[in-house]
Protein backbone atom coordinates (compact mmCIF):
# COMPACT_ATOMS: atom_id res chain seq x y z
CA UNK A 1 112.29 68.77 88.63
CA UNK A 2 111.98 69.98 85.07
CA UNK A 3 114.16 67.04 83.99
CA UNK A 4 111.28 64.67 84.76
CA UNK A 5 108.97 66.54 82.34
CA UNK A 6 109.34 65.55 78.68
CA UNK A 7 110.78 68.23 76.37
CA UNK A 8 107.55 68.48 74.34
CA UNK A 9 105.52 69.10 77.51
CA UNK A 10 108.03 71.73 78.74
CA UNK A 11 107.69 73.50 75.39
CA UNK A 12 103.88 73.53 75.73
CA UNK A 13 104.20 75.02 79.22
CA UNK A 14 106.57 77.65 77.88
CA UNK A 15 104.15 78.56 75.09
CA UNK A 16 101.29 78.78 77.58
CA UNK A 17 103.30 81.05 79.90
CA UNK A 18 104.27 83.28 77.00
CA UNK A 19 100.67 83.61 75.80
CA UNK A 20 99.55 84.53 79.34
CA UNK A 21 102.18 87.26 79.67
CA UNK A 22 101.48 88.62 76.17
CA UNK A 23 97.76 88.97 76.97
CA UNK A 24 98.39 90.26 80.54
CA UNK A 25 101.71 92.11 80.62
CA UNK A 26 103.03 92.97 84.09
CA UNK A 27 102.59 96.58 85.18
CA UNK A 28 105.62 98.50 86.35
CA UNK A 29 104.72 99.89 89.80
CA UNK A 30 107.47 102.50 89.53
CA UNK A 31 105.34 104.44 87.01
CA UNK A 32 102.63 105.27 89.57
CA UNK A 33 103.45 108.63 91.09
CA UNK A 34 101.96 110.49 94.07
CA UNK A 35 102.66 113.90 95.62
CA UNK A 36 104.29 114.52 99.00
CA UNK A 37 101.85 116.56 101.08
CA UNK A 38 104.67 118.46 102.79
CA UNK A 39 106.85 119.63 99.90
CA UNK A 40 104.91 118.63 96.75
CA UNK A 41 107.74 116.43 95.45
CA UNK A 42 106.79 113.58 93.13
CA UNK A 43 107.09 110.17 94.79
CA UNK A 44 106.68 106.62 93.61
CA UNK A 45 103.62 105.11 95.27
CA UNK A 46 105.79 102.44 96.93
CA UNK A 47 108.15 104.88 98.70
CA UNK A 48 107.94 105.12 102.49
CA UNK A 49 109.76 108.44 102.87
CA UNK A 50 109.98 111.61 100.78
CA UNK A 51 113.40 111.94 99.15
CA UNK A 52 113.13 115.73 99.30
CA UNK A 53 111.86 116.66 102.78
CA UNK A 54 112.37 113.24 104.44
CA UNK A 55 108.76 113.08 105.67
CA UNK A 56 107.83 109.51 106.59
CA UNK A 57 104.59 108.35 105.02
CA UNK A 58 101.89 106.38 106.80
CA UNK A 59 101.52 102.81 105.63
CA UNK A 60 98.91 100.08 105.50
CA UNK A 61 99.60 97.59 108.31
CA UNK A 62 98.10 94.79 106.19
CA UNK A 63 100.00 95.30 102.91
CA UNK A 64 102.88 97.63 103.81
CA UNK A 65 101.92 100.00 100.96
CA UNK A 66 102.24 103.73 101.61
CA UNK A 67 99.08 105.73 102.31
CA UNK A 68 99.00 109.18 100.73
CA UNK A 69 96.68 111.77 102.34
CA UNK A 70 93.95 113.27 100.16
CA UNK A 71 94.39 117.06 99.90
CA UNK A 72 90.70 117.58 99.13
CA UNK A 73 89.81 116.11 102.53
CA UNK A 74 92.14 118.39 104.49
CA UNK A 75 95.09 115.99 104.38
CA UNK A 76 93.13 113.14 105.96
CA UNK A 77 93.82 109.79 104.30
CA UNK A 78 90.44 108.55 103.11
CA UNK A 79 90.65 107.28 99.55
CA UNK A 80 93.45 106.82 97.05
CA UNK A 81 93.25 107.51 93.33
CA UNK A 82 91.95 103.96 92.85
CA UNK A 83 89.09 104.68 95.32
CA UNK A 84 90.57 102.33 97.91
CA UNK A 85 89.00 103.14 101.24
CA UNK A 86 91.39 103.68 104.15
CA UNK A 87 90.26 102.65 107.61
CA UNK A 88 91.80 102.70 111.06
CA UNK A 89 91.80 100.16 113.85
CA UNK A 90 89.62 101.46 116.69
CA UNK A 91 92.04 100.02 119.28
CA UNK A 92 95.59 100.76 118.08
CA UNK A 93 94.66 103.48 115.53
CA UNK A 94 96.91 102.09 112.77
CA UNK A 95 95.64 102.55 109.23
CA UNK A 96 94.95 99.98 106.54
CA UNK A 97 93.24 99.49 103.20
CA UNK A 98 89.72 98.30 104.00
CA UNK A 99 89.64 95.89 101.06
CA UNK A 100 92.77 94.12 102.36
CA UNK A 101 91.60 94.17 105.99
CA UNK A 102 88.31 92.43 105.12
CA UNK A 103 90.23 89.25 104.40
CA UNK A 104 91.21 88.72 108.04
CA UNK A 105 88.62 90.79 109.96
CA UNK A 106 91.21 91.41 112.72
CA UNK A 107 93.95 94.03 113.03
CA UNK A 108 97.29 92.42 112.12
CA UNK A 109 99.06 94.40 114.88
CA UNK A 110 96.80 94.28 117.96
CA UNK A 111 94.42 91.49 116.84
CA UNK A 112 91.32 93.46 117.77
CA UNK A 113 88.17 92.78 115.78
CA UNK A 114 87.83 95.38 113.02
CA UNK A 115 84.65 97.42 112.52
CA UNK A 116 83.72 97.93 108.85
CA UNK A 117 81.36 100.65 107.60
């Protein structure tokens, strides 16, 4: 449909897009590293399994992002480096980022009403 937009207008849109990306460059998620709790290997925060010991990581049922346990809390997933609170569904026990779960208020797997603290 870009053919229906005049060339001058397309150029303005291009300039606008460029200025937005220059001011807010995209972040490469592959730079964020975490540690495997089993073997201490470095993992990208988006990996679902350790490449060294093959341990499968828990994941957020809302976003699909991996949840890394916090060593200071005895290996219990509670907060990530970005202070994102991890919660569990009281019915099916699956874990999720509380901030993401607040958007729906129900577990995406079992549809039970979620209890927030």
